[in-house]
Amino acid sequence: MIKKLTRHGNSLALVIDRPILELLNIDPETPLDVSTDGKQLIISPVKSSARLKKFEAAQEWAHKRYGKTFKKLAE
C-alpha cells in the first residue's frame, strides 16, 4: 500500500486506513511507538508490560489516597 502525507495545520499526517487499525486493535486512545532504523519509519502499538501496569496501578492508588496532599505540595 502506498500512502502520501497530508497537511494537518503546520504538520504532516499519515492517515491509517480503518482495516489496518482494526487488524492491530488500534483506537484513538492507543499509544503508538514511533521509531526508525535509519531507513524506515516504524509505527507500532505500545506493548504494556506487567511492570508498567503495576506502576500505573500504584500511581492511581496514591492519587486517590493522597491527591489532596499532592495538590497542596504543588502549590
Protein backbone atom coordinates (compact mmCIF):
# COMPACT_ATOMS: atom_id res chain seq x y z
CA MET A 1 0.00 0.00 0.00
CA ILE A 2 1.41 3.37 -0.97
CA LYS A 3 0.32 6.41 1.06
CA LYS A 4 1.04 10.13 0.89
CA LEU A 5 1.29 12.52 3.81
CA THR A 6 -1.45 15.11 4.22
CA ARG A 7 -1.28 18.59 5.73
CA HIS A 8 -2.58 18.91 9.28
CA GLY A 9 -2.04 22.50 10.43
CA ASN A 10 1.71 23.17 10.28
CA SER A 11 2.48 19.44 10.38
CA LEU A 12 2.17 16.45 8.10
CA ALA A 13 -0.02 13.47 8.96
CA LEU A 14 -0.22 9.87 7.82
CA VAL A 15 -3.80 8.59 7.61
CA ILE A 16 -4.04 4.91 8.52
CA ASP A 17 -6.94 3.04 6.94
CA ARG A 18 -9.59 1.50 9.20
CA PRO A 19 -8.88 -2.16 8.24
CA ILE A 20 -5.26 -1.78 9.36
CA LEU A 21 -6.33 -0.08 12.60
CA GLU A 22 -8.81 -2.89 13.29
CA LEU A 23 -6.24 -5.59 12.49
CA LEU A 24 -3.81 -4.11 15.03
CA ASN A 25 -6.53 -3.21 17.59
CA ILE A 26 -5.59 0.48 17.44
CA ASP A 27 -8.10 3.13 18.50
CA PRO A 28 -7.71 6.87 19.21
CA GLU A 29 -6.56 6.10 22.78
CA THR A 30 -3.86 3.58 21.80
CA PRO A 31 -0.34 4.89 22.47
CA LEU A 32 1.95 4.34 19.48
CA ASP A 33 5.71 3.83 19.43
CA VAL A 34 7.25 5.75 16.51
CA SER A 35 10.84 4.85 15.72
CA THR A 36 13.23 4.40 12.83
CA ASP A 37 16.07 2.12 11.89
CA GLY A 38 17.62 4.91 9.83
CA LYS A 39 15.93 3.80 6.62
CA GLN A 40 12.33 3.05 7.56
CA LEU A 41 9.69 4.61 9.76
CA ILE A 42 8.31 2.06 12.22
CA ILE A 43 4.95 2.65 13.93
CA SER A 44 3.60 0.07 16.36
CA PRO A 45 1.21 -0.07 19.32
CA VAL A 46 2.99 0.22 22.65
CA LYS A 47 3.08 -3.12 24.40
CA SER A 48 2.05 -2.80 28.03
CA SER A 49 4.42 -4.56 30.35
CA ALA A 50 3.43 -6.06 33.67
CA ARG A 51 5.83 -3.66 35.39
CA LEU A 52 4.17 -0.64 33.75
CA LYS A 53 0.72 -1.88 34.76
CA LYS A 54 1.86 -2.27 38.38
CA PHE A 55 3.34 1.23 38.34
CA GLU A 56 0.17 2.76 36.90
CA ALA A 57 -1.96 0.95 39.49
CA ALA A 58 0.27 2.21 42.32
CA GLN A 59 0.18 5.73 40.90
CA GLU A 60 -3.62 5.67 40.70
CA TRP A 61 -3.86 4.37 44.28
CA ALA A 62 -1.50 7.12 45.53
CA HIS A 63 -3.50 9.83 43.77
CA LYS A 64 -6.75 8.53 45.22
CA ARG A 65 -5.33 8.35 48.71
CA TYR A 66 -3.00 11.37 48.75
CA GLY A 67 -4.33 13.52 45.90
CA LYS A 68 -5.23 16.47 48.11
CA THR A 69 -1.80 16.36 49.77
CA PHE A 70 -0.06 16.27 46.37
CA LYS A 71 -2.08 19.28 45.29
CA LYS A 72 -1.12 21.23 48.43
CA LEU A 73 2.55 20.36 47.94
CA ALA A 74 2.39 21.52 44.32
CA GLU A 75 1.10 24.92 45.42
